[in-house]
Amino acid sequence: MALINRISRLIKADFHAVLDQIEEPEQSLKQAIRDMEDNLATTEQHIALHLHDQAALSVRKEELENSISEIENQLDLCFESKKDGLAKGLIRKKLEAERLLQRLNARHLANQKTLDEQQAMIDENQATLESLRQKAELFAQRTPSHGDGNSKFDDIAWMAREMTVSDDEVEIAYLREMNTRQAS
């Protein structure tokens, strides 16, 4: 059983290595940027919907608060006029309005929490998108600038390797310099 597991892992690893070589990094990067842009657009649409809901909830809350205030005024009038039956009906309306207001407040808070989470997600995704765009620019700069397949990046790396000086070369140059100085 262990042998079969090891062989299957080896085959999977080889398969993934082949896929990595087949896959074009530039195209993968461009697709990742498109996916991230789509994700941002979708999240922005969700935020717009939640903002609309939040505004509607605020309006409804204000209407209920005004209604409760009006019911309070009506209750004062009922108690002054000693209309107990009418006062009980208004108390029922007031209790119902207060319960509805509590539910609206809970929805308002939950909606605000969702908005905050989505805004944080957008901020994070925008940072990731910017990073991907920078990587794409770097990748575009590394693509062949001439038809020969060598990029500027490769030329700079080659020059850096050529400029490396070994310790032996330093010793020989030192001895030459010392000889020329002693001869003068």
N, C-alpha and C. Protein backbone atom coordinates (compact mmCIF):
# COMPACT_ATOMS: atom_id res chain seq x y z
N MET A 1 0.82 -1.19 0.00
CA MET A 1 0.00 0.00 0.00
C MET A 1 0.87 1.26 0.00
N ALA A 2 1.95 1.25 0.80
CA ALA A 2 2.84 2.41 0.85
C ALA A 2 3.53 2.61 -0.49
N LEU A 3 3.87 1.51 -1.15
CA LEU A 3 4.53 1.59 -2.45
C LEU A 3 3.60 2.24 -3.48
N ILE A 4 2.34 1.88 -3.45
CA ILE A 4 1.37 2.46 -4.38
C ILE A 4 1.23 3.96 -4.12
N ASN A 5 1.17 4.35 -2.85
CA ASN A 5 1.07 5.77 -2.51
C ASN A 5 2.29 6.55 -3.01
N ARG A 6 3.48 5.98 -2.83
CA ARG A 6 4.70 6.64 -3.27
C ARG A 6 4.73 6.78 -4.79
N ILE A 7 4.32 5.73 -5.49
CA ILE A 7 4.31 5.78 -6.95
C ILE A 7 3.29 6.81 -7.43
N SER A 8 2.14 6.86 -6.80
CA SER A 8 1.12 7.83 -7.23
C SER A 8 1.61 9.26 -6.97
N ARG A 9 2.31 9.50 -5.85
CA ARG A 9 2.86 10.83 -5.58
C ARG A 9 3.92 11.19 -6.62
N LEU A 10 4.74 10.21 -7.00
CA LEU A 10 5.77 10.45 -8.00
C LEU A 10 5.15 10.81 -9.35
N ILE A 11 4.10 10.09 -9.73
CA ILE A 11 3.42 10.38 -10.99
C ILE A 11 2.77 11.75 -10.94
N LYS A 12 2.14 12.09 -9.82
CA LYS A 12 1.52 13.42 -9.68
C LYS A 12 2.58 14.50 -9.78
N ALA A 13 3.71 14.30 -9.12
CA ALA A 13 4.77 15.30 -9.15
C ALA A 13 5.29 15.49 -10.58
N ASP A 14 5.49 14.39 -11.29
CA ASP A 14 5.95 14.49 -12.68
C ASP A 14 4.90 15.18 -13.54
N PHE A 15 3.65 14.86 -13.33
CA PHE A 15 2.57 15.47 -14.10
C PHE A 15 2.53 16.98 -13.85
N HIS A 16 2.66 17.39 -12.58
CA HIS A 16 2.65 18.82 -12.25
C HIS A 16 3.88 19.52 -12.85
N ALA A 17 5.01 18.85 -12.86
CA ALA A 17 6.21 19.44 -13.46
C ALA A 17 6.01 19.67 -14.95
N VAL A 18 5.40 18.72 -15.64
CA VAL A 18 5.12 18.87 -17.06
C VAL A 18 4.16 20.04 -17.28
N LEU A 19 3.12 20.12 -16.46
CA LEU A 19 2.17 21.23 -16.59
C LEU A 19 2.86 22.57 -16.36
N ASP A 20 3.75 22.62 -15.38
CA ASP A 20 4.47 23.87 -15.11
C ASP A 20 5.31 24.30 -16.31
N GLN A 21 5.90 23.35 -17.01
CA GLN A 21 6.70 23.68 -18.17
C GLN A 21 5.84 24.08 -19.36
N ILE A 22 4.69 23.46 -19.50
CA ILE A 22 3.79 23.78 -20.61
C ILE A 22 3.15 25.15 -20.41
N GLU A 23 2.80 25.44 -19.19
CA GLU A 23 2.10 26.67 -18.86
C GLU A 23 2.98 27.88 -19.15
N GLU A 24 2.42 28.87 -19.81
CA GLU A 24 3.16 30.08 -20.10
C GLU A 24 2.96 31.05 -18.94
N PRO A 25 4.05 31.44 -18.28
CA PRO A 25 3.91 32.31 -17.10
C PRO A 25 3.28 33.66 -17.42
N GLU A 26 3.60 34.22 -18.58
CA GLU A 26 3.04 35.52 -18.93
C GLU A 26 1.53 35.43 -19.10
N GLN A 27 1.06 34.38 -19.76
CA GLN A 27 -0.38 34.20 -19.96
C GLN A 27 -1.08 33.93 -18.63
N SER A 28 -0.44 33.14 -17.78
CA SER A 28 -1.01 32.85 -16.46
C SER A 28 -1.14 34.12 -15.64
N LEU A 29 -0.12 34.97 -15.73
CA LEU A 29 -0.14 36.23 -14.99
C LEU A 29 -1.24 37.15 -15.52
N LYS A 30 -1.38 37.21 -16.84
CA LYS A 30 -2.44 38.03 -17.42
C LYS A 30 -3.82 37.52 -17.02
N GLN A 31 -3.98 36.20 -16.99
CA GLN A 31 -5.26 35.63 -16.58
C GLN A 31 -5.53 35.93 -15.11
N ALA A 32 -4.51 35.85 -14.28
CA ALA A 32 -4.68 36.17 -12.86
C ALA A 32 -5.11 37.62 -12.68
N ILE A 33 -4.55 38.51 -13.49
CA ILE A 33 -4.94 39.93 -13.42
C ILE A 33 -6.40 40.09 -13.84
N ARG A 34 -6.79 39.42 -14.93
CA ARG A 34 -8.20 39.50 -15.37
C ARG A 34 -9.14 38.95 -14.30
N ASP A 35 -8.78 37.82 -13.71
CA ASP A 35 -9.61 37.23 -12.65
C ASP A 35 -9.74 38.18 -11.46
N MET A 36 -8.62 38.81 -11.08
CA MET A 36 -8.65 39.73 -9.95
C MET A 36 -9.50 40.95 -10.27
N GLU A 37 -9.41 41.45 -11.50
CA GLU A 37 -10.24 42.60 -11.90
C GLU A 37 -11.71 42.24 -11.87
N ASP A 38 -12.06 41.03 -12.34
CA ASP A 38 -13.45 40.57 -12.29
C ASP A 38 -13.93 40.45 -10.86
N ASN A 39 -13.08 39.90 -10.01
CA ASN A 39 -13.42 39.75 -8.59
C ASN A 39 -13.65 41.12 -7.95
N LEU A 40 -12.81 42.08 -8.27
CA LEU A 40 -12.99 43.44 -7.73
C LEU A 40 -14.30 44.06 -8.21
N ALA A 41 -14.61 43.87 -9.49
CA ALA A 41 -15.86 44.43 -10.03
C ALA A 41 -17.08 43.81 -9.34
N THR A 42 -17.03 42.50 -9.11
CA THR A 42 -18.14 41.82 -8.44
C THR A 42 -18.28 42.32 -7.00
N THR A 43 -17.17 42.45 -6.31
CA THR A 43 -17.21 42.92 -4.92
C THR A 43 -17.72 44.36 -4.87
N GLU A 44 -17.31 45.19 -5.82
CA GLU A 44 -17.80 46.57 -5.86
C GLU A 44 -19.31 46.61 -6.09
N GLN A 45 -19.83 45.71 -6.92
CA GLN A 45 -21.28 45.63 -7.13
C GLN A 45 -21.99 45.24 -5.84
N HIS A 46 -21.41 44.28 -5.11
CA HIS A 46 -22.02 43.87 -3.84
C HIS A 46 -22.01 45.03 -2.85
N ILE A 47 -20.93 45.77 -2.83
CA ILE A 47 -20.85 46.92 -1.93
C ILE A 47 -21.91 47.95 -2.30
N ALA A 48 -22.10 48.19 -3.59
CA ALA A 48 -23.12 49.15 -4.03
C ALA A 48 -24.52 48.70 -3.59
N LEU A 49 -24.79 47.40 -3.70
CA LEU A 49 -26.09 46.89 -3.26
C LEU A 49 -26.26 47.05 -1.75
N HIS A 50 -25.20 46.74 -1.00
CA HIS A 50 -25.29 46.87 0.46
C HIS A 50 -25.41 48.33 0.88
N LEU A 51 -24.78 49.23 0.15
CA LEU A 51 -24.92 50.65 0.45
C LEU A 51 -26.35 51.11 0.19
N HIS A 52 -26.93 50.60 -0.89
CA HIS A 52 -28.34 50.93 -1.18
C HIS A 52 -29.25 50.39 -0.06
N ASP A 53 -29.02 49.14 0.35
CA ASP A 53 -29.79 48.56 1.45
C ASP A 53 -29.60 49.36 2.73
N GLN A 54 -28.37 49.78 2.98
CA GLN A 54 -28.07 50.53 4.19
C GLN A 54 -28.85 51.85 4.20
N ALA A 55 -28.90 52.52 3.06
CA ALA A 55 -29.64 53.78 2.97
C ALA A 55 -31.14 53.53 3.19
N ALA A 56 -31.66 52.46 2.60
CA ALA A 56 -33.09 52.14 2.77
C ALA A 56 -33.39 51.80 4.23
N LEU A 57 -32.50 51.06 4.86
CA LEU A 57 -32.68 50.74 6.28
C LEU A 57 -32.66 52.00 7.15
N SER A 58 -31.78 52.91 6.83
CA SER A 58 -31.70 54.16 7.61
C SER A 58 -32.99 54.96 7.48
N VAL A 59 -33.52 55.02 6.26
CA VAL A 59 -34.78 55.75 6.04
C VAL A 59 -35.90 55.09 6.83
N ARG A 60 -35.98 53.77 6.75
CA ARG A 60 -37.04 53.03 7.47
C ARG A 60 -36.91 53.19 8.98
N LYS A 61 -35.66 53.17 9.47
CA LYS A 61 -35.45 53.37 10.91
C LYS A 61 -35.93 54.75 11.35
N GLU A 62 -35.62 55.76 10.54
CA GLU A 62 -36.04 57.11 10.88
C GLU A 62 -37.57 57.23 10.88
N GLU A 63 -38.22 56.58 9.90
CA GLU A 63 -39.68 56.59 9.86
C GLU A 63 -40.27 55.93 11.10
N LEU A 64 -39.69 54.80 11.52
CA LEU A 64 -40.18 54.11 12.72
C LEU A 64 -39.96 54.95 13.98
N GLU A 65 -38.82 55.60 14.07
CA GLU A 65 -38.55 56.45 15.24
C GLU A 65 -39.55 57.60 15.30
N ASN A 66 -39.86 58.18 14.14
CA ASN A 66 -40.87 59.25 14.10
C ASN A 66 -42.25 58.71 14.48
N SER A 67 -42.56 57.51 14.00
CA SER A 67 -43.84 56.89 14.32
C SER A 67 -43.96 56.62 15.82
N ILE A 68 -42.89 56.12 16.42
CA ILE A 68 -42.90 55.86 17.87
C ILE A 68 -43.07 57.16 18.64
N SER A 69 -42.41 58.21 18.17
CA SER A 69 -42.55 59.52 18.83
C SER A 69 -43.99 60.02 18.72
N GLU A 70 -44.62 59.83 17.57
CA GLU A 70 -46.02 60.24 17.38
C GLU A 70 -46.95 59.42 18.28
N ILE A 71 -46.66 58.12 18.39
CA ILE A 71 -47.47 57.26 19.26
C ILE A 71 -47.35 57.73 20.71
N GLU A 72 -46.14 58.14 21.12
CA GLU A 72 -45.94 58.67 22.48
C GLU A 72 -46.84 59.88 22.73
N ASN A 73 -46.89 60.78 21.74
CA ASN A 73 -47.74 61.97 21.87
C ASN A 73 -49.22 61.57 21.97
N GLN A 74 -49.61 60.58 21.15
CA GLN A 74 -50.99 60.12 21.19
C GLN A 74 -51.31 59.45 22.52
N LEU A 75 -50.35 58.72 23.08
CA LEU A 75 -50.54 58.07 24.38
C LEU A 75 -50.74 59.11 25.48
N ASP A 76 -49.95 60.18 25.41
CA ASP A 76 -50.11 61.26 26.40
C ASP A 76 -51.54 61.81 26.35
N LEU A 77 -52.05 62.00 25.15
CA LEU A 77 -53.40 62.52 24.97
C LEU A 77 -54.44 61.53 25.50
N CYS A 78 -54.22 60.22 25.24
CA CYS A 78 -55.16 59.19 25.71
C CYS A 78 -55.21 59.14 27.24
N PHE A 79 -54.03 59.22 27.88
CA PHE A 79 -54.00 59.15 29.35
C PHE A 79 -54.62 60.41 29.96
N GLU A 80 -54.44 61.57 29.29
CA GLU A 80 -55.05 62.79 29.80
C GLU A 80 -56.58 62.70 29.69
N SER A 81 -57.05 62.05 28.61
CA SER A 81 -58.48 61.92 28.38
C SER A 81 -59.06 60.68 29.03
N LYS A 82 -58.24 59.89 29.66
CA LYS A 82 -58.64 58.66 30.35
C LYS A 82 -59.33 57.68 29.40
N LYS A 83 -58.73 57.51 28.23
CA LYS A 83 -59.22 56.56 27.25
C LYS A 83 -58.32 55.32 27.30
N ASP A 84 -58.55 54.44 28.25
CA ASP A 84 -57.69 53.28 28.49
C ASP A 84 -57.72 52.30 27.32
N GLY A 85 -58.86 52.05 26.72
CA GLY A 85 -58.97 51.11 25.60
C GLY A 85 -58.15 51.59 24.41
N LEU A 86 -58.26 52.88 24.13
CA LEU A 86 -57.50 53.46 23.03
C LEU A 86 -56.00 53.45 23.34
N ALA A 87 -55.66 53.69 24.62
CA ALA A 87 -54.25 53.69 25.04
C ALA A 87 -53.65 52.29 24.86
N LYS A 88 -54.40 51.23 25.18
CA LYS A 88 -53.88 49.87 25.04
C LYS A 88 -53.60 49.54 23.56
N GLY A 89 -54.47 50.00 22.68
CA GLY A 89 -54.25 49.78 21.24
C GLY A 89 -52.98 50.50 20.76
N LEU A 90 -52.79 51.72 21.28
CA LEU A 90 -51.59 52.48 20.90
C LEU A 90 -50.32 51.85 21.49
N ILE A 91 -50.43 51.30 22.69
CA ILE A 91 -49.29 50.62 23.32
C ILE A 91 -48.90 49.40 22.48
N ARG A 92 -49.91 48.68 21.98
CA ARG A 92 -49.63 47.52 21.12
C ARG A 92 -48.86 47.98 19.87
N LYS A 93 -49.33 49.07 19.24
CA LYS A 93 -48.64 49.59 18.06
C LYS A 93 -47.22 50.03 18.39
N LYS A 94 -47.05 50.64 19.56
CA LYS A 94 -45.74 51.11 19.98
C LYS A 94 -44.79 49.92 20.18
N LEU A 95 -45.28 48.87 20.86
CA LEU A 95 -44.45 47.67 21.09
C LEU A 95 -44.05 47.01 19.77
N GLU A 96 -45.00 46.92 18.84
CA GLU A 96 -44.70 46.33 17.54
C GLU A 96 -43.66 47.17 16.80
N ALA A 97 -43.82 48.49 16.86
CA ALA A 97 -42.87 49.39 16.19
C ALA A 97 -41.48 49.28 16.83
N GLU A 98 -41.42 49.15 18.15
CA GLU A 98 -40.13 49.02 18.84
C GLU A 98 -39.44 47.72 18.47
N ARG A 99 -40.21 46.62 18.37
CA ARG A 99 -39.63 45.34 17.97
C ARG A 99 -39.10 45.41 16.54
N LEU A 100 -39.89 46.02 15.67
CA LEU A 100 -39.45 46.17 14.29
C LEU A 100 -38.19 47.04 14.22
N LEU A 101 -38.13 48.07 15.04
CA LEU A 101 -36.96 48.94 15.09
C LEU A 101 -35.73 48.17 15.56
N GLN A 102 -35.92 47.28 16.55
CA GLN A 102 -34.81 46.45 17.02
C GLN A 102 -34.29 45.56 15.89
N ARG A 103 -35.21 44.96 15.14
CA ARG A 103 -34.80 44.10 14.03
C ARG A 103 -34.09 44.91 12.94
N LEU A 104 -34.60 46.09 12.67
CA LEU A 104 -33.96 46.94 11.68
C LEU A 104 -32.55 47.36 12.14
N ASN A 105 -32.42 47.66 13.43
CA ASN A 105 -31.10 48.01 13.96
C ASN A 105 -30.13 46.83 13.82
N ALA A 106 -30.62 45.63 14.09
CA ALA A 106 -29.77 44.44 13.97
C ALA A 106 -29.36 44.23 12.51
N ARG A 107 -30.32 44.40 11.59
CA ARG A 107 -29.99 44.27 10.17
C ARG A 107 -29.03 45.35 9.71
N HIS A 108 -29.24 46.55 10.24
CA HIS A 108 -28.36 47.68 9.90
C HIS A 108 -26.93 47.38 10.35
N LEU A 109 -26.76 46.86 11.56
CA LEU A 109 -25.43 46.52 12.06
C LEU A 109 -24.80 45.38 11.26
N ALA A 110 -25.59 44.36 10.95
CA ALA A 110 -25.07 43.23 10.17
C ALA A 110 -24.67 43.70 8.77
N ASN A 111 -25.48 44.55 8.19
CA ASN A 111 -25.17 45.08 6.87
C ASN A 111 -23.90 45.93 6.92
N GLN A 112 -23.73 46.70 7.98
CA GLN A 112 -22.53 47.52 8.12
C GLN A 112 -21.30 46.64 8.28
N LYS A 113 -21.44 45.56 9.04
CA LYS A 113 -20.32 44.62 9.21
C LYS A 113 -19.93 44.00 7.86
N THR A 114 -20.93 43.61 7.08
CA THR A 114 -20.67 43.05 5.76
C THR A 114 -19.98 44.08 4.87
N LEU A 115 -20.45 45.32 4.93
CA LEU A 115 -19.83 46.38 4.14
C LEU A 115 -18.36 46.57 4.53
N ASP A 116 -18.09 46.57 5.83
CA ASP A 116 -16.71 46.73 6.29
C ASP A 116 -15.83 45.58 5.82
N GLU A 117 -16.35 44.34 5.90
CA GLU A 117 -15.59 43.18 5.46
C GLU A 117 -15.31 43.24 3.96
N GLN A 118 -16.33 43.63 3.19
CA GLN A 118 -16.14 43.70 1.74
C GLN A 118 -15.19 44.83 1.36
N GLN A 119 -15.24 45.92 2.10
CA GLN A 119 -14.31 47.02 1.82
C GLN A 119 -12.89 46.59 2.13
N ALA A 120 -12.70 45.85 3.22
CA ALA A 120 -11.37 45.33 3.54
C ALA A 120 -10.90 44.37 2.46
N MET A 121 -11.84 43.55 1.95
CA MET A 121 -11.51 42.60 0.89
C MET A 121 -11.11 43.36 -0.38
N ILE A 122 -11.82 44.43 -0.68
CA ILE A 122 -11.47 45.22 -1.87
C ILE A 122 -10.08 45.83 -1.70
N ASP A 123 -9.80 46.37 -0.53
CA ASP A 123 -8.49 46.97 -0.30
C ASP A 123 -7.38 45.94 -0.48
N GLU A 124 -7.59 44.75 0.08
CA GLU A 124 -6.61 43.67 -0.05
C GLU A 124 -6.46 43.23 -1.50
N ASN A 125 -7.59 43.07 -2.19
CA ASN A 125 -7.54 42.65 -3.59
C ASN A 125 -6.91 43.71 -4.49
N GLN A 126 -7.14 44.98 -4.19
CA GLN A 126 -6.52 46.03 -4.98
C GLN A 126 -5.00 46.01 -4.79
N ALA A 127 -4.55 45.76 -3.57
CA ALA A 127 -3.11 45.66 -3.32
C ALA A 127 -2.53 44.46 -4.07
N THR A 128 -3.25 43.34 -4.05
CA THR A 128 -2.79 42.16 -4.77
C THR A 128 -2.77 42.42 -6.28
N LEU A 129 -3.81 43.08 -6.77
CA LEU A 129 -3.88 43.41 -8.19
C LEU A 129 -2.72 44.31 -8.59
N GLU A 130 -2.43 45.30 -7.78
CA GLU A 130 -1.31 46.20 -8.08
C GLU A 130 0.00 45.42 -8.12
N SER A 131 0.16 44.48 -7.19
CA SER A 131 1.35 43.64 -7.17
C SER A 131 1.44 42.80 -8.44
N LEU A 132 0.31 42.22 -8.86
CA LEU A 132 0.29 41.43 -10.09
C LEU A 132 0.63 42.29 -11.31
N ARG A 133 0.12 43.50 -11.33
CA ARG A 133 0.41 44.39 -12.46
C ARG A 133 1.91 44.74 -12.50
N GLN A 134 2.49 44.96 -11.32
CA GLN A 134 3.93 45.25 -11.28
C GLN A 134 4.74 44.04 -11.76
N LYS A 135 4.31 42.86 -11.35
CA LYS A 135 5.00 41.65 -11.81
C LYS A 135 4.86 41.50 -13.32
N ALA A 136 3.69 41.84 -13.84
CA ALA A 136 3.48 41.76 -15.29
C ALA A 136 4.38 42.75 -16.02
N GLU A 137 4.54 43.95 -15.46
CA GLU A 137 5.44 44.92 -16.07
C GLU A 137 6.88 44.41 -16.06
N LEU A 138 7.29 43.85 -14.94
CA LEU A 138 8.64 43.28 -14.86
C LEU A 138 8.81 42.15 -15.86
N PHE A 139 7.80 41.33 -15.97
CA PHE A 139 7.86 40.21 -16.89
C PHE A 139 7.93 40.72 -18.33
N ALA A 140 7.18 41.77 -18.62
CA ALA A 140 7.19 42.35 -19.97
C ALA A 140 8.57 42.93 -20.28
N GLN A 141 9.23 43.48 -19.29
CA GLN A 141 10.57 44.02 -19.49
C GLN A 141 11.59 42.92 -19.71
N ARG A 142 11.32 41.73 -19.18
CA ARG A 142 12.25 40.61 -19.32
C ARG A 142 12.07 39.85 -20.62
N THR A 143 10.99 40.14 -21.35
CA THR A 143 10.77 39.43 -22.60
C THR A 143 11.82 39.87 -23.61
N PRO A 144 12.10 39.05 -24.60
CA PRO A 144 13.16 39.38 -25.57
C PRO A 144 12.94 40.74 -26.21
N SER A 145 13.99 41.57 -26.18
CA SER A 145 13.89 42.90 -26.77
C SER A 145 14.32 42.88 -28.23
N HIS A 146 15.15 41.90 -28.58
CA HIS A 146 15.60 41.74 -29.95
C HIS A 146 15.14 40.38 -30.43
N GLY A 147 15.31 40.12 -31.69
CA GLY A 147 14.90 38.84 -32.24
C GLY A 147 15.80 37.69 -31.82
N ASP A 148 16.96 37.97 -31.17
CA ASP A 148 17.90 36.90 -30.85
C ASP A 148 17.55 36.12 -29.59
N GLY A 149 16.54 36.55 -28.85
CA GLY A 149 16.10 35.80 -27.67
C GLY A 149 16.80 36.22 -26.40
N ASN A 150 17.73 37.17 -26.44
CA ASN A 150 18.40 37.64 -25.24
C ASN A 150 17.70 38.89 -24.74
N SER A 151 17.44 38.96 -23.46
CA SER A 151 16.80 40.14 -22.91
C SER A 151 17.85 41.02 -22.26
N LYS A 152 17.48 42.25 -21.97
CA LYS A 152 18.38 43.15 -21.27
C LYS A 152 18.76 42.58 -19.92
N PHE A 153 17.79 41.92 -19.29
CA PHE A 153 18.05 41.32 -17.98
C PHE A 153 19.16 40.27 -18.09
N ASP A 154 19.11 39.43 -19.12
CA ASP A 154 20.13 38.41 -19.31
C ASP A 154 21.48 39.04 -19.60
N ASP A 155 21.51 40.15 -20.38
CA ASP A 155 22.77 40.83 -20.66
C ASP A 155 23.40 41.36 -19.38
N ILE A 156 22.60 41.93 -18.50
CA ILE A 156 23.12 42.45 -17.23
C ILE A 156 23.63 41.32 -16.37
N ALA A 157 22.94 40.21 -16.33
CA ALA A 157 23.40 39.07 -15.54
C ALA A 157 24.71 38.54 -16.10
N TRP A 158 24.82 38.49 -17.42
CA TRP A 158 26.06 38.02 -18.05
C TRP A 158 27.22 38.96 -17.71
N MET A 159 26.95 40.27 -17.77
CA MET A 159 27.99 41.24 -17.45
C MET A 159 28.43 41.11 -16.00
N ALA A 160 27.50 40.86 -15.11
CA ALA A 160 27.85 40.71 -13.69
C ALA A 160 28.72 39.48 -13.49
N ARG A 161 28.44 38.39 -14.21
CA ARG A 161 29.27 37.19 -14.09
C ARG A 161 30.67 37.44 -14.65
N GLU A 162 30.76 38.21 -15.74
CA GLU A 162 32.05 38.49 -16.36
C GLU A 162 32.89 39.42 -15.50
N MET A 163 32.28 40.23 -14.67
CA MET A 163 33.01 41.19 -13.85
C MET A 163 33.52 40.57 -12.55
N THR A 164 33.16 39.36 -12.26
CA THR A 164 33.60 38.71 -11.04
C THR A 164 35.09 38.41 -11.15
N VAL A 165 35.85 38.78 -10.11
CA VAL A 165 37.30 38.61 -10.09
C VAL A 165 37.65 37.58 -9.03
N SER A 166 38.48 36.61 -9.40
CA SER A 166 38.85 35.56 -8.44
C SER A 166 40.01 36.03 -7.56
N ASP A 167 40.23 35.31 -6.46
CA ASP A 167 41.32 35.64 -5.55
C ASP A 167 42.68 35.47 -6.22
N ASP A 168 42.82 34.47 -7.06
CA ASP A 168 44.08 34.24 -7.78
C ASP A 168 44.40 35.42 -8.69
N GLU A 169 43.38 35.94 -9.38
CA GLU A 169 43.61 37.09 -10.25
C GLU A 169 44.06 38.30 -9.44
N VAL A 170 43.51 38.47 -8.25
CA VAL A 170 43.92 39.56 -7.38
C VAL A 170 45.38 39.39 -6.96
N GLU A 171 45.80 38.17 -6.60
CA GLU A 171 47.18 37.91 -6.18
C GLU A 171 48.15 38.20 -7.32
N ILE A 172 47.83 37.76 -8.53
CA ILE A 172 48.71 37.98 -9.68
C ILE A 172 48.82 39.47 -9.98
N ALA A 173 47.70 40.18 -9.95
CA ALA A 173 47.72 41.62 -10.20
C ALA A 173 48.52 42.34 -9.11
N TYR A 174 48.42 41.85 -7.89
CA TYR A 174 49.16 42.44 -6.77
C TYR A 174 50.66 42.28 -7.00
N LEU A 175 51.08 41.09 -7.39
CA LEU A 175 52.49 40.84 -7.64
C LEU A 175 53.01 41.70 -8.80
N ARG A 176 52.20 41.85 -9.84
CA ARG A 176 52.60 42.71 -10.96
C ARG A 176 52.78 44.15 -10.52
N GLU A 177 51.79 44.62 -9.75
CA GLU A 177 51.86 46.01 -9.25
C GLU A 177 53.08 46.19 -8.36
N MET A 178 53.39 45.21 -7.52
CA MET A 178 54.52 45.29 -6.62
C MET A 178 55.83 45.31 -7.43
N ASN A 179 55.94 44.48 -8.48
CA ASN A 179 57.12 44.45 -9.31
C ASN A 179 57.32 45.75 -10.04
N THR A 180 56.24 46.33 -10.59
CA THR A 180 56.37 47.59 -11.31
C THR A 180 56.77 48.72 -10.35
N ARG A 181 56.30 48.67 -9.14
CA ARG A 181 56.65 49.70 -8.16
C ARG A 181 58.10 49.57 -7.70
N GLN A 182 58.57 48.34 -7.57
CA GLN A 182 59.96 48.12 -7.12
C GLN A 182 60.93 48.47 -8.23
N ALA A 183 60.53 48.28 -9.47
CA ALA A 183 61.41 48.57 -10.60
C ALA A 183 61.58 50.06 -10.78
N SER A 184 60.62 50.84 -10.36
CA SER A 184 60.72 52.29 -10.55
C SER A 184 61.51 53.00 -9.52
